[in-house]
Amino acid sequence: MSKYLKSASSAKVGRKFFQARERLGLSIEEINSSTYINIIYIKAIETGDYSAFPSETFARAYFKKYSDFLKIKPVFPNIYKQDTTNAKIKKKINKTINENTYLFYIIIIISSLALIGLFFRYI
């Protein structure tokens, strides 16, 4: 998973989890033993750093499980959409580069054939 899965928005949402847990007077270990959510995932949600999760699906599942346990209704942050957008931009750039490379090779081949034709014409 990307190492850039934290934003101001995800940190704000994480703060809501932290505050709800504190209001209930529960430690992270108590949450872990009650919900069986890995301590690393609890801390990730509370800090808004989703790079600990192997995928968005895992992050969403634990986010829901933890929010249901705390009886809060936060909105899942859109950090994964940003990552997907960056991937789409990279894919488009690579496609453009590949198309330009293809055109470059065609021009080289045509030029080479023209030079070979000129060479044999004057021999």
PDB file of N, CA and C in Angstrom:
ATOM      1  N   MET A   1       0.834  -1.170   0.000  1.00  0.00           N
ATOM      2  CA  MET A   1       0.000   0.000   0.000  1.00  0.00           C
ATOM      3  C   MET A   1       0.885   1.242   0.000  1.00  0.00           C
ATOM      4  N   SER A   2       0.362   2.317  -0.501  1.00  0.00           N
ATOM      5  CA  SER A   2       1.112   3.556  -0.593  1.00  0.00           C
ATOM      6  C   SER A   2       1.492   4.081   0.780  1.00  0.00           C
ATOM      7  N   LYS A   3       2.633   4.750   0.842  1.00  0.00           N
ATOM      8  CA  LYS A   3       3.045   5.320   2.120  1.00  0.00           C
ATOM      9  C   LYS A   3       2.431   6.704   2.341  1.00  0.00           C
ATOM     10  N   TYR A   4       1.657   7.209   1.386  1.00  0.00           N
ATOM     11  CA  TYR A   4       1.051   8.530   1.482  1.00  0.00           C
ATOM     12  C   TYR A   4      -0.458   8.445   1.656  1.00  0.00           C
ATOM     13  N   LEU A   5      -0.898   7.759   2.686  1.00  0.00           N
ATOM     14  CA  LEU A   5      -2.335   7.606   2.897  1.00  0.00           C
ATOM     15  C   LEU A   5      -2.775   8.313   4.176  1.00  0.00           C
ATOM     16  N   LYS A   6      -2.413   9.571   4.267  1.00  0.00           N
ATOM     17  CA  LYS A   6      -2.832  10.399   5.389  1.00  0.00           C
ATOM     18  C   LYS A   6      -3.081  11.799   4.856  1.00  0.00           C
ATOM     19  N   SER A   7      -4.140  12.416   5.362  1.00  0.00           N
ATOM     20  CA  SER A   7      -4.453  13.777   4.952  1.00  0.00           C
ATOM     21  C   SER A   7      -4.989  14.534   6.166  1.00  0.00           C
ATOM     22  N   ALA A   8      -5.207  15.821   6.007  1.00  0.00           N
ATOM     23  CA  ALA A   8      -5.797  16.615   7.086  1.00  0.00           C
ATOM     24  C   ALA A   8      -7.194  16.092   7.414  1.00  0.00           C
ATOM     25  N   SER A   9      -7.919  15.696   6.375  1.00  0.00           N
ATOM     26  CA  SER A   9      -9.272  15.158   6.552  1.00  0.00           C
ATOM     27  C   SER A   9      -9.241  13.846   7.339  1.00  0.00           C
ATOM     28  N   SER A  10      -8.330  12.942   6.972  1.00  0.00           N
ATOM     29  CA  SER A  10      -8.271  11.661   7.677  1.00  0.00           C
ATOM     30  C   SER A  10      -7.815  11.842   9.121  1.00  0.00           C
ATOM     31  N   ALA A  11      -6.961  12.836   9.365  1.00  0.00           N
ATOM     32  CA  ALA A  11      -6.520  13.122  10.734  1.00  0.00           C
ATOM     33  C   ALA A  11      -7.688  13.649  11.579  1.00  0.00           C
ATOM     34  N   LYS A  12      -8.543  14.488  10.972  1.00  0.00           N
ATOM     35  CA  LYS A  12      -9.726  15.001  11.691  1.00  0.00           C
ATOM     36  C   LYS A  12     -10.684  13.874  12.049  1.00  0.00           C
ATOM     37  N   VAL A  13     -10.896  12.971  11.103  1.00  0.00           N
ATOM     38  CA  VAL A  13     -11.777  11.829  11.350  1.00  0.00           C
ATOM     39  C   VAL A  13     -11.171  10.958  12.445  1.00  0.00           C
ATOM     40  N   GLY A  14      -9.880  10.746  12.387  1.00  0.00           N
ATOM     41  CA  GLY A  14      -9.193   9.955  13.404  1.00  0.00           C
ATOM     42  C   GLY A  14      -9.344  10.559  14.790  1.00  0.00           C
ATOM     43  N   ARG A  15      -9.319  11.871  14.841  1.00  0.00           N
ATOM     44  CA  ARG A  15      -9.490  12.582  16.129  1.00  0.00           C
ATOM     45  C   ARG A  15     -10.871  12.267  16.724  1.00  0.00           C
ATOM     46  N   LYS A  16     -11.884  12.126  15.877  1.00  0.00           N
ATOM     47  CA  LYS A  16     -13.235  11.784  16.350  1.00  0.00           C
ATOM     48  C   LYS A  16     -13.235  10.411  17.023  1.00  0.00           C
ATOM     49  N   PHE A  17     -12.516   9.459  16.419  1.00  0.00           N
ATOM     50  CA  PHE A  17     -12.404   8.124  17.015  1.00  0.00           C
ATOM     51  C   PHE A  17     -11.699   8.207  18.370  1.00  0.00           C
ATOM     52  N   PHE A  18     -10.594   8.928  18.402  1.00  0.00           N
ATOM     53  CA  PHE A  18      -9.827   9.071  19.634  1.00  0.00           C
ATOM     54  C   PHE A  18     -10.682   9.683  20.740  1.00  0.00           C
ATOM     55  N   GLN A  19     -11.386  10.764  20.407  1.00  0.00           N
ATOM     56  CA  GLN A  19     -12.219  11.447  21.406  1.00  0.00           C
ATOM     57  C   GLN A  19     -13.360  10.551  21.894  1.00  0.00           C
ATOM     58  N   ALA A  20     -13.964   9.805  20.987  1.00  0.00           N
ATOM     59  CA  ALA A  20     -15.048   8.893  21.379  1.00  0.00           C
ATOM     60  C   ALA A  20     -14.525   7.800  22.311  1.00  0.00           C
ATOM     61  N   ARG A  21     -13.346   7.275  22.003  1.00  0.00           N
ATOM     62  CA  ARG A  21     -12.751   6.244  22.859  1.00  0.00           C
ATOM     63  C   ARG A  21     -12.419   6.817  24.231  1.00  0.00           C
ATOM     64  N   GLU A  22     -11.883   8.019  24.255  1.00  0.00           N
ATOM     65  CA  GLU A  22     -11.539   8.676  25.523  1.00  0.00           C
ATOM     66  C   GLU A  22     -12.797   8.952  26.351  1.00  0.00           C
ATOM     67  N   ARG A  23     -13.892   9.394  25.696  1.00  0.00           N
ATOM     68  CA  ARG A  23     -15.154   9.652  26.408  1.00  0.00           C
ATOM     69  C   ARG A  23     -15.672   8.388  27.094  1.00  0.00           C
ATOM     70  N   LEU A  24     -15.454   7.252  26.420  1.00  0.00           N
ATOM     71  CA  LEU A  24     -15.890   5.976  26.993  1.00  0.00           C
ATOM     72  C   LEU A  24     -14.910   5.454  28.050  1.00  0.00           C
ATOM     73  N   GLY A  25     -13.756   6.119  28.165  1.00  0.00           N
ATOM     74  CA  GLY A  25     -12.762   5.718  29.150  1.00  0.00           C
ATOM     75  C   GLY A  25     -12.091   4.394  28.828  1.00  0.00           C
ATOM     76  N   LEU A  26     -11.930   4.107  27.556  1.00  0.00           N
ATOM     77  CA  LEU A  26     -11.343   2.839  27.138  1.00  0.00           C
ATOM     78  C   LEU A  26      -9.925   3.024  26.604  1.00  0.00           C
ATOM     79  N   SER A  27      -9.084   2.052  26.870  1.00  0.00           N
ATOM     80  CA  SER A  27      -7.735   2.063  26.316  1.00  0.00           C
ATOM     81  C   SER A  27      -7.749   1.350  24.965  1.00  0.00           C
ATOM     82  N   ILE A  28      -6.680   1.515  24.238  1.00  0.00           N
ATOM     83  CA  ILE A  28      -6.562   0.825  22.954  1.00  0.00           C
ATOM     84  C   ILE A  28      -6.577  -0.684  23.164  1.00  0.00           C
ATOM     85  N   GLU A  29      -5.941  -1.139  24.225  1.00  0.00           N
ATOM     86  CA  GLU A  29      -5.908  -2.574  24.532  1.00  0.00           C
ATOM     87  C   GLU A  29      -7.305  -3.112  24.827  1.00  0.00           C
ATOM     88  N   GLU A  30      -8.131  -2.307  25.512  1.00  0.00           N
ATOM     89  CA  GLU A  30      -9.506  -2.729  25.802  1.00  0.00           C
ATOM     90  C   GLU A  30     -10.332  -2.814  24.508  1.00  0.00           C
ATOM     91  N   ILE A  31     -10.114  -1.868  23.614  1.00  0.00           N
ATOM     92  CA  ILE A  31     -10.801  -1.905  22.317  1.00  0.00           C
ATOM     93  C   ILE A  31     -10.379  -3.172  21.567  1.00  0.00           C
ATOM     94  N   ASN A  32      -9.090  -3.447  21.589  1.00  0.00           N
ATOM     95  CA  ASN A  32      -8.549  -4.634  20.926  1.00  0.00           C
ATOM     96  C   ASN A  32      -9.173  -5.917  21.471  1.00  0.00           C
ATOM     97  N   SER A  33      -9.266  -6.033  22.777  1.00  0.00           N
ATOM     98  CA  SER A  33      -9.799  -7.277  23.352  1.00  0.00           C
ATOM     99  C   SER A  33     -11.316  -7.403  23.151  1.00  0.00           C
ATOM    100  N   SER A  34     -12.006  -6.289  23.008  1.00  0.00           N
ATOM    101  CA  SER A  34     -13.456  -6.335  22.794  1.00  0.00           C
ATOM    102  C   SER A  34     -13.833  -6.562  21.329  1.00  0.00           C
ATOM    103  N   THR A  35     -13.055  -5.975  20.416  1.00  0.00           N
ATOM    104  CA  THR A  35     -13.423  -6.018  18.998  1.00  0.00           C
ATOM    105  C   THR A  35     -12.537  -6.937  18.162  1.00  0.00           C
ATOM    106  N   TYR A  36     -11.405  -7.311  18.709  1.00  0.00           N
ATOM    107  CA  TYR A  36     -10.391  -8.095  17.991  1.00  0.00           C
ATOM    108  C   TYR A  36      -9.805  -7.333  16.809  1.00  0.00           C
ATOM    109  N   ILE A  37      -9.860  -6.010  16.874  1.00  0.00           N
ATOM    110  CA  ILE A  37      -9.194  -5.187  15.864  1.00  0.00           C
ATOM    111  C   ILE A  37      -7.737  -5.056  16.290  1.00  0.00           C
ATOM    112  N   ASN A  38      -6.838  -5.300  15.377  1.00  0.00           N
ATOM    113  CA  ASN A  38      -5.406  -5.197  15.631  1.00  0.00           C
ATOM    114  C   ASN A  38      -5.077  -3.803  16.178  1.00  0.00           C
ATOM    115  N   ILE A  39      -4.211  -3.755  17.174  1.00  0.00           N
ATOM    116  CA  ILE A  39      -3.831  -2.477  17.797  1.00  0.00           C
ATOM    117  C   ILE A  39      -3.236  -1.526  16.759  1.00  0.00           C
ATOM    118  N   ILE A  40      -2.475  -2.058  15.833  1.00  0.00           N
ATOM    119  CA  ILE A  40      -1.883  -1.217  14.780  1.00  0.00           C
ATOM    120  C   ILE A  40      -2.987  -0.541  13.962  1.00  0.00           C
ATOM    121  N   TYR A  41      -4.068  -1.270  13.673  1.00  0.00           N
ATOM    122  CA  TYR A  41      -5.173  -0.706  12.898  1.00  0.00           C
ATOM    123  C   TYR A  41      -5.944   0.339  13.705  1.00  0.00           C
ATOM    124  N   ILE A  42      -6.111   0.090  14.991  1.00  0.00           N
ATOM    125  CA  ILE A  42      -6.788   1.077  15.849  1.00  0.00           C
ATOM    126  C   ILE A  42      -6.005   2.382  15.839  1.00  0.00           C
ATOM    127  N   LYS A  43      -4.701   2.280  16.041  1.00  0.00           N
ATOM    128  CA  LYS A  43      -3.854   3.480  16.036  1.00  0.00           C
ATOM    129  C   LYS A  43      -3.874   4.160  14.669  1.00  0.00           C
ATOM    130  N   ALA A  44      -3.895   3.365  13.602  1.00  0.00           N
ATOM    131  CA  ALA A  44      -3.928   3.929  12.251  1.00  0.00           C
ATOM    132  C   ALA A  44      -5.203   4.744  12.036  1.00  0.00           C
ATOM    133  N   ILE A  45      -6.322   4.201  12.459  1.00  0.00           N
ATOM    134  CA  ILE A  45      -7.598   4.920  12.304  1.00  0.00           C
ATOM    135  C   ILE A  45      -7.588   6.190  13.144  1.00  0.00           C
ATOM    136  N   GLU A  46      -7.111   6.095  14.383  1.00  0.00           N
ATOM    137  CA  GLU A  46      -7.118   7.256  15.272  1.00  0.00           C
ATOM    138  C   GLU A  46      -6.154   8.356  14.832  1.00  0.00           C
ATOM    139  N   THR A  47      -5.088   7.986  14.143  1.00  0.00           N
ATOM    140  CA  THR A  47      -4.152   9.008  13.662  1.00  0.00           C
ATOM    141  C   THR A  47      -4.469   9.449  12.237  1.00  0.00           C
ATOM    142  N   GLY A  48      -5.348   8.692  11.565  1.00  0.00           N
ATOM    143  CA  GLY A  48      -5.705   9.029  10.193  1.00  0.00           C
ATOM    144  C   GLY A  48      -4.670   8.588   9.186  1.00  0.00           C
ATOM    145  N   ASP A  49      -3.776   7.678   9.595  1.00  0.00           N
ATOM    146  CA  ASP A  49      -2.729   7.184   8.693  1.00  0.00           C
ATOM    147  C   ASP A  49      -3.078   5.776   8.235  1.00  0.00           C
ATOM    148  N   TYR A  50      -3.631   5.649   7.041  1.00  0.00           N
ATOM    149  CA  TYR A  50      -4.156   4.382   6.546  1.00  0.00           C
ATOM    150  C   TYR A  50      -3.112   3.535   5.808  1.00  0.00           C
ATOM    151  N   SER A  51      -1.863   3.930   5.884  1.00  0.00           N
ATOM    152  CA  SER A  51      -0.814   3.152   5.221  1.00  0.00           C
ATOM    153  C   SER A  51      -0.575   1.812   5.908  1.00  0.00           C
ATOM    154  N   ALA A  52      -1.084   1.620   7.127  1.00  0.00           N
ATOM    155  CA  ALA A  52      -0.935   0.351   7.839  1.00  0.00           C
ATOM    156  C   ALA A  52      -1.818  -0.741   7.241  1.00  0.00           C
ATOM    157  N   PHE A  53      -2.860  -0.357   6.531  1.00  0.00           N
ATOM    158  CA  PHE A  53      -3.805  -1.328   5.970  1.00  0.00           C
ATOM    159  C   PHE A  53      -3.312  -1.857   4.630  1.00  0.00           C
ATOM    160  N   PRO A  54      -3.531  -3.155   4.368  1.00  0.00           N
ATOM    161  CA  PRO A  54      -3.077  -3.720   3.100  1.00  0.00           C
ATOM    162  C   PRO A  54      -3.904  -3.274   1.890  1.00  0.00           C
ATOM    163  N   SER A  55      -5.137  -2.793   2.126  1.00  0.00           N
ATOM    164  CA  SER A  55      -5.969  -2.327   1.014  1.00  0.00           C
ATOM    165  C   SER A  55      -7.075  -1.425   1.552  1.00  0.00           C
ATOM    166  N   GLU A  56      -7.735  -0.748   0.631  1.00  0.00           N
ATOM    167  CA  GLU A  56      -8.858   0.108   1.010  1.00  0.00           C
ATOM    168  C   GLU A  56      -9.986  -0.724   1.617  1.00  0.00           C
ATOM    169  N   THR A  57     -10.188  -1.915   1.091  1.00  0.00           N
ATOM    170  CA  THR A  57     -11.256  -2.784   1.587  1.00  0.00           C
ATOM    171  C   THR A  57     -11.052  -3.106   3.067  1.00  0.00           C
ATOM    172  N   PHE A  58      -9.816  -3.456   3.436  1.00  0.00           N
ATOM    173  CA  PHE A  58      -9.515  -3.724   4.844  1.00  0.00           C
ATOM    174  C   PHE A  58      -9.752  -2.470   5.681  1.00  0.00           C
ATOM    175  N   ALA A  59      -9.264  -1.340   5.198  1.00  0.00           N
ATOM    176  CA  ALA A  59      -9.401  -0.084   5.942  1.00  0.00           C
ATOM    177  C   ALA A  59     -10.878   0.242   6.183  1.00  0.00           C
ATOM    178  N   ARG A  60     -11.694   0.106   5.155  1.00  0.00           N
ATOM    179  CA  ARG A  60     -13.128   0.393   5.289  1.00  0.00           C
ATOM    180  C   ARG A  60     -13.807  -0.566   6.273  1.00  0.00           C
ATOM    181  N   ALA A  61     -13.438  -1.837   6.213  1.00  0.00           N
ATOM    182  CA  ALA A  61     -14.055  -2.828   7.105  1.00  0.00           C
ATOM    183  C   ALA A  61     -13.730  -2.535   8.565  1.00  0.00           C
ATOM    184  N   TYR A  62     -12.476  -2.266   8.866  1.00  0.00           N
ATOM    185  CA  TYR A  62     -12.096  -1.971  10.249  1.00  0.00           C
ATOM    186  C   TYR A  62     -12.610  -0.607  10.706  1.00  0.00           C
ATOM    187  N   PHE A  63     -12.660   0.350   9.783  1.00  0.00           N
ATOM    188  CA  PHE A  63     -13.227   1.663  10.076  1.00  0.00           C
ATOM    189  C   PHE A  63     -14.679   1.499  10.531  1.00  0.00           C
ATOM    190  N   LYS A  64     -15.444   0.710   9.779  1.00  0.00           N
ATOM    191  CA  LYS A  64     -16.858   0.487  10.118  1.00  0.00           C
ATOM    192  C   LYS A  64     -16.988  -0.266  11.437  1.00  0.00           C
ATOM    193  N   LYS A  65     -16.198  -1.316  11.617  1.00  0.00           N
ATOM    194  CA  LYS A  65     -16.271  -2.107  12.841  1.00  0.00           C
ATOM    195  C   LYS A  65     -15.950  -1.248  14.062  1.00  0.00           C
ATOM    196  N   TYR A  66     -14.930  -0.424  13.957  1.00  0.00           N
ATOM    197  CA  TYR A  66     -14.524   0.430  15.076  1.00  0.00           C
ATOM    198  C   TYR A  66     -15.569   1.524  15.325  1.00  0.00           C
ATOM    199  N   SER A  67     -16.080   2.137  14.268  1.00  0.00           N
ATOM    200  CA  SER A  67     -17.085   3.200  14.457  1.00  0.00           C
ATOM    201  C   SER A  67     -18.388   2.624  15.021  1.00  0.00           C
ATOM    202  N   ASP A  68     -18.769   1.431  14.589  1.00  0.00           N
ATOM    203  CA  ASP A  68     -19.967   0.784  15.153  1.00  0.00           C
ATOM    204  C   ASP A  68     -19.776   0.506  16.641  1.00  0.00           C
ATOM    205  N   PHE A  69     -18.593   0.042  17.013  1.00  0.00           N
ATOM    206  CA  PHE A  69     -18.310  -0.243  18.421  1.00  0.00           C
ATOM    207  C   PHE A  69     -18.409   1.031  19.258  1.00  0.00           C
ATOM    208  N   LEU A  70     -17.873   2.133  18.741  1.00  0.00           N
ATOM    209  CA  LEU A  70     -17.892   3.402  19.478  1.00  0.00           C
ATOM    210  C   LEU A  70     -19.235   4.126  19.349  1.00  0.00           C
ATOM    211  N   LYS A  71     -20.098   3.625  18.468  1.00  0.00           N
ATOM    212  CA  LYS A  71     -21.410   4.233  18.197  1.00  0.00           C
ATOM    213  C   LYS A  71     -21.270   5.669  17.688  1.00  0.00           C
ATOM    214  N   ILE A  72     -20.379   5.830  16.710  1.00  0.00           N
ATOM    215  CA  ILE A  72     -20.211   7.123  16.043  1.00  0.00           C
ATOM    216  C   ILE A  72     -20.425   6.906  14.545  1.00  0.00           C
ATOM    217  N   LYS A  73     -20.691   7.988  13.820  1.00  0.00           N
ATOM    218  CA  LYS A  73     -20.983   7.894  12.384  1.00  0.00           C
ATOM    219  C   LYS A  73     -20.071   8.809  11.559  1.00  0.00           C
ATOM    220  N   PRO A  74     -18.760   8.619  11.632  1.00  0.00           N
ATOM    221  CA  PRO A  74     -17.877   9.460  10.812  1.00  0.00           C
ATOM    222  C   PRO A  74     -17.902   9.007   9.345  1.00  0.00           C
ATOM    223  N   VAL A  75     -17.487   9.893   8.467  1.00  0.00           N
ATOM    224  CA  VAL A  75     -17.418   9.584   7.037  1.00  0.00           C
ATOM    225  C   VAL A  75     -15.997   9.114   6.730  1.00  0.00           C
ATOM    226  N   PHE A  76     -15.903   8.010   5.992  1.00  0.00           N
ATOM    227  CA  PHE A  76     -14.589   7.473   5.631  1.00  0.00           C
ATOM    228  C   PHE A  76     -13.856   8.494   4.763  1.00  0.00           C
ATOM    229  N   PRO A  77     -12.607   8.825   5.087  1.00  0.00           N
ATOM    230  CA  PRO A  77     -11.864   9.832   4.300  1.00  0.00           C
ATOM    231  C   PRO A  77     -11.580   9.360   2.877  1.00  0.00           C
ATOM    232  N   ASN A  78     -11.458  10.299   1.953  1.00  0.00           N
ATOM    233  CA  ASN A  78     -11.304   9.964   0.523  1.00  0.00           C
ATOM    234  C   ASN A  78      -9.841   9.881   0.087  1.00  0.00           C
ATOM    235  N   ILE A  79      -8.968   9.434   0.949  1.00  0.00           N
ATOM    236  CA  ILE A  79      -7.540   9.373   0.610  1.00  0.00           C
ATOM    237  C   ILE A  79      -7.236   8.358  -0.473  1.00  0.00           C
ATOM    238  N   TYR A  80      -8.014   7.314  -0.583  1.00  0.00           N
ATOM    239  CA  TYR A  80      -7.753   6.296  -1.605  1.00  0.00           C
ATOM    240  C   TYR A  80      -8.118   6.798  -2.994  1.00  0.00           C
ATOM    241  N   LYS A  81      -9.104   7.650  -3.112  1.00  0.00           N
ATOM    242  CA  LYS A  81      -9.478   8.206  -4.413  1.00  0.00           C
ATOM    243  C   LYS A  81      -8.336   9.040  -4.971  1.00  0.00           C
ATOM    244  N   GLN A  82      -7.662   9.770  -4.091  1.00  0.00           N
ATOM    245  CA  GLN A  82      -6.518  10.575  -4.513  1.00  0.00           C
ATOM    246  C   GLN A  82      -5.428   9.660  -5.058  1.00  0.00           C
ATOM    247  N   ASP A  83      -5.165   8.559  -4.396  1.00  0.00           N
ATOM    248  CA  ASP A  83      -4.153   7.607  -4.835  1.00  0.00           C
ATOM    249  C   ASP A  83      -4.520   7.025  -6.196  1.00  0.00           C
ATOM    250  N   THR A  84      -5.807   6.728  -6.400  1.00  0.00           N
ATOM    251  CA  THR A  84      -6.288   6.186  -7.665  1.00  0.00           C
ATOM    252  C   THR A  84      -6.130   7.214  -8.774  1.00  0.00           C
ATOM    253  N   THR A  85      -6.416   8.469  -8.485  1.00  0.00           N
ATOM    254  CA  THR A  85      -6.271   9.537  -9.471  1.00  0.00           C
ATOM    255  C   THR A  85      -4.821   9.647  -9.916  1.00  0.00           C
ATOM    256  N   ASN A  86      -3.892   9.587  -8.965  1.00  0.00           N
ATOM    257  CA  ASN A  86      -2.474   9.650  -9.315  1.00  0.00           C
ATOM    258  C   ASN A  86      -2.083   8.475 -10.206  1.00  0.00           C
ATOM    259  N   ALA A  87      -2.613   7.302  -9.936  1.00  0.00           N
ATOM    260  CA  ALA A  87      -2.318   6.120 -10.748  1.00  0.00           C
ATOM    261  C   ALA A  87      -2.850   6.308 -12.167  1.00  0.00           C
ATOM    262  N   LYS A  88      -4.043   6.892 -12.314  1.00  0.00           N
ATOM    263  CA  LYS A  88      -4.615   7.127 -13.635  1.00  0.00           C
ATOM    264  C   LYS A  88      -3.771   8.121 -14.430  1.00  0.00           C
ATOM    265  N   ILE A  89      -3.272   9.151 -13.760  1.00  0.00           N
ATOM    266  CA  ILE A  89      -2.426  10.142 -14.436  1.00  0.00           C
ATOM    267  C   ILE A  89      -1.142   9.479 -14.919  1.00  0.00           C
ATOM    268  N   LYS A  90      -0.529   8.658 -14.062  1.00  0.00           N
ATOM    269  CA  LYS A  90       0.700   7.958 -14.451  1.00  0.00           C
ATOM    270  C   LYS A  90       0.448   7.035 -15.635  1.00  0.00           C
ATOM    271  N   LYS A  91      -0.681   6.344 -15.631  1.00  0.00           N
ATOM    272  CA  LYS A  91      -1.015   5.427 -16.726  1.00  0.00           C
ATOM    273  C   LYS A  91      -1.167   6.209 -18.033  1.00  0.00           C
ATOM    274  N   LYS A  92      -1.821   7.369 -17.975  1.00  0.00           N
ATOM    275  CA  LYS A  92      -2.016   8.185 -19.171  1.00  0.00           C
ATOM    276  C   LYS A  92      -0.678   8.694 -19.699  1.00  0.00           C
ATOM    277  N   ILE A  93       0.211   9.095 -18.795  1.00  0.00           N
ATOM    278  CA  ILE A  93       1.536   9.572 -19.203  1.00  0.00           C
ATOM    279  C   ILE A  93       2.309   8.440 -19.873  1.00  0.00           C
ATOM    280  N   ASN A  94       2.268   7.251 -19.264  1.00  0.00           N
ATOM    281  CA  ASN A  94       2.968   6.100 -19.852  1.00  0.00           C
ATOM    282  C   ASN A  94       2.414   5.741 -21.225  1.00  0.00           C
ATOM    283  N   LYS A  95       1.099   5.843 -21.387  1.00  0.00           N
ATOM    284  CA  LYS A  95       0.482   5.544 -22.683  1.00  0.00           C
ATOM    285  C   LYS A  95       0.971   6.541 -23.729  1.00  0.00           C
ATOM    286  N   THR A  96       1.030   7.815 -23.357  1.00  0.00           N
ATOM    287  CA  THR A  96       1.505   8.850 -24.274  1.00  0.00           C
ATOM    288  C   THR A  96       2.955   8.598 -24.657  1.00  0.00           C
ATOM    289  N   ILE A  97       3.768   8.233 -23.684  1.00  0.00           N
ATOM    290  CA  ILE A  97       5.179   7.947 -23.960  1.00  0.00           C
ATOM    291  C   ILE A  97       5.299   6.762 -24.907  1.00  0.00           C
ATOM    292  N   ASN A  98       4.512   5.712 -24.649  1.00  0.00           N
ATOM    293  CA  ASN A  98       4.558   4.534 -25.518  1.00  0.00           C
ATOM    294  C   ASN A  98       4.123   4.866 -26.942  1.00  0.00           C
ATOM    295  N   GLU A  99       3.083   5.685 -27.097  1.00  0.00           N
ATOM    296  CA  GLU A  99       2.622   6.072 -28.430  1.00  0.00           C
ATOM    297  C   GLU A  99       3.692   6.892 -29.143  1.00  0.00           C
ATOM    298  N   ASN A 100       4.336   7.801 -28.421  1.00  0.00           N
ATOM    299  CA  ASN A 100       5.386   8.622 -29.016  1.00  0.00           C
ATOM    300  C   ASN A 100       6.589   7.774 -29.408  1.00  0.00           C
ATOM    301  N   THR A 101       6.921   6.787 -28.604  1.00  0.00           N
ATOM    302  CA  THR A 101       8.028   5.881 -28.930  1.00  0.00           C
ATOM    303  C   THR A 101       7.716   5.109 -30.202  1.00  0.00           C
ATOM    304  N   TYR A 102       6.492   4.633 -30.314  1.00  0.00           N
ATOM    305  CA  TYR A 102       6.056   3.900 -31.508  1.00  0.00           C
ATOM    306  C   TYR A 102       6.203   4.776 -32.752  1.00  0.00           C
ATOM    307  N   LEU A 103       5.750   6.029 -32.682  1.00  0.00           N
ATOM    308  CA  LEU A 103       5.872   6.952 -33.806  1.00  0.00           C
ATOM    309  C   LEU A 103       7.337   7.212 -34.141  1.00  0.00           C
ATOM    310  N   PHE A 104       8.169   7.337 -33.119  1.00  0.00           N
ATOM    311  CA  PHE A 104       9.596   7.571 -33.320  1.00  0.00           C
ATOM    312  C   PHE A 104      10.207   6.418 -34.122  1.00  0.00           C
ATOM    313  N   TYR A 105       9.878   5.180 -33.763  1.00  0.00           N
ATOM    314  CA  TYR A 105      10.408   4.016 -34.482  1.00  0.00           C
ATOM    315  C   TYR A 105       9.921   3.978 -35.928  1.00  0.00           C
ATOM    316  N   ILE A 106       8.688   4.340 -36.172  1.00  0.00           N
ATOM    317  CA  ILE A 106       8.169   4.374 -37.542  1.00  0.00           C
ATOM    318  C   ILE A 106       8.942   5.396 -38.368  1.00  0.00           C
ATOM    319  N   ILE A 107       9.192   6.553 -37.786  1.00  0.00           N
ATOM    320  CA  ILE A 107       9.941   7.602 -38.508  1.00  0.00           C
ATOM    321  C   ILE A 107      11.363   7.126 -38.799  1.00  0.00           C
ATOM    322  N   ILE A 108      11.990   6.476 -37.844  1.00  0.00           N
ATOM    323  CA  ILE A 108      13.352   5.953 -38.040  1.00  0.00           C
ATOM    324  C   ILE A 108      13.370   4.914 -39.174  1.00  0.00           C
ATOM    325  N   ILE A 109      12.397   4.012 -39.180  1.00  0.00           N
ATOM    326  CA  ILE A 109      12.344   2.969 -40.212  1.00  0.00           C
ATOM    327  C   ILE A 109      12.131   3.586 -41.592  1.00  0.00           C
ATOM    328  N   ILE A 110      11.200   4.521 -41.696  1.00  0.00           N
ATOM    329  CA  ILE A 110      10.923   5.167 -42.991  1.00  0.00           C
ATOM    330  C   ILE A 110      12.148   5.943 -43.461  1.00  0.00           C
ATOM    331  N   SER A 111      12.787   6.656 -42.551  1.00  0.00           N
ATOM    332  CA  SER A 111      13.993   7.414 -42.908  1.00  0.00           C
ATOM    333  C   SER A 111      15.106   6.482 -43.363  1.00  0.00           C
ATOM    334  N   SER A 112      15.263   5.373 -42.671  1.00  0.00           N
ATOM    335  CA  SER A 112      16.309   4.403 -43.028  1.00  0.00           C
ATOM    336  C   SER A 112      16.052   3.827 -44.417  1.00  0.00           C
ATOM    337  N   LEU A 113      14.797   3.474 -44.673  1.00  0.00           N
ATOM    338  CA  LEU A 113      14.450   2.943 -45.995  1.00  0.00           C
ATOM    339  C   LEU A 113      14.709   3.979 -47.089  1.00  0.00           C
ATOM    340  N   ALA A 114      14.407   5.222 -46.818  1.00  0.00           N
ATOM    341  CA  ALA A 114      14.638   6.290 -47.800  1.00  0.00           C
ATOM    342  C   ALA A 114      16.133   6.455 -48.051  1.00  0.00           C
ATOM    343  N   LEU A 115      16.939   6.403 -47.016  1.00  0.00           N
ATOM    344  CA  LEU A 115      18.388   6.533 -47.174  1.00  0.00           C
ATOM    345  C   LEU A 115      18.966   5.340 -47.934  1.00  0.00           C
ATOM    346  N   ILE A 116      18.474   4.161 -47.635  1.00  0.00           N
ATOM    347  CA  ILE A 116      18.930   2.960 -48.347  1.00  0.00           C
ATOM    348  C   ILE A 116      18.560   3.069 -49.823  1.00  0.00           C
ATOM    349  N   GLY A 117      17.358   3.551 -50.112  1.00  0.00           N
ATOM    350  CA  GLY A 117      16.925   3.744 -51.505  1.00  0.00           C
ATOM    351  C   GLY A 117      17.815   4.731 -52.232  1.00  0.00           C
ATOM    352  N   LEU A 118      18.149   5.845 -51.570  1.00  0.00           N
ATOM    353  CA  LEU A 118      19.039   6.836 -52.175  1.00  0.00           C
ATOM    354  C   LEU A 118      20.428   6.244 -52.393  1.00  0.00           C
ATOM    355  N   PHE A 119      20.898   5.476 -51.467  1.00  0.00           N
ATOM    356  CA  PHE A 119      22.224   4.872 -51.567  1.00  0.00           C
ATOM    357  C   PHE A 119      22.313   3.949 -52.787  1.00  0.00           C
ATOM    358  N   PHE A 120      21.313   3.087 -52.955  1.00  0.00           N
ATOM    359  CA  PHE A 120      21.330   2.154 -54.067  1.00  0.00           C
ATOM    360  C   PHE A 120      21.054   2.839 -55.408  1.00  0.00           C
ATOM    361  N   ARG A 121      20.415   3.962 -55.371  1.00  0.00           N
ATOM    362  CA  ARG A 121      20.117   4.690 -56.611  1.00  0.00           C
ATOM    363  C   ARG A 121      21.396   5.266 -57.224  1.00  0.00           C
ATOM    364  N   TYR A 122      22.317   5.699 -56.363  1.00  0.00           N
ATOM    365  CA  TYR A 122      23.530   6.334 -56.862  1.00  0.00           C
ATOM    366  C   TYR A 122      24.706   5.368 -56.968  1.00  0.00           C
ATOM    367  N   ILE A 123      24.494   4.116 -56.747  1.00  0.00           N
ATOM    368  CA  ILE A 123      25.586   3.138 -56.897  1.00  0.00           C
ATOM    369  C   ILE A 123      25.533   2.507 -58.261  1.00  0.00           C
TER     370      ILE A 123
END
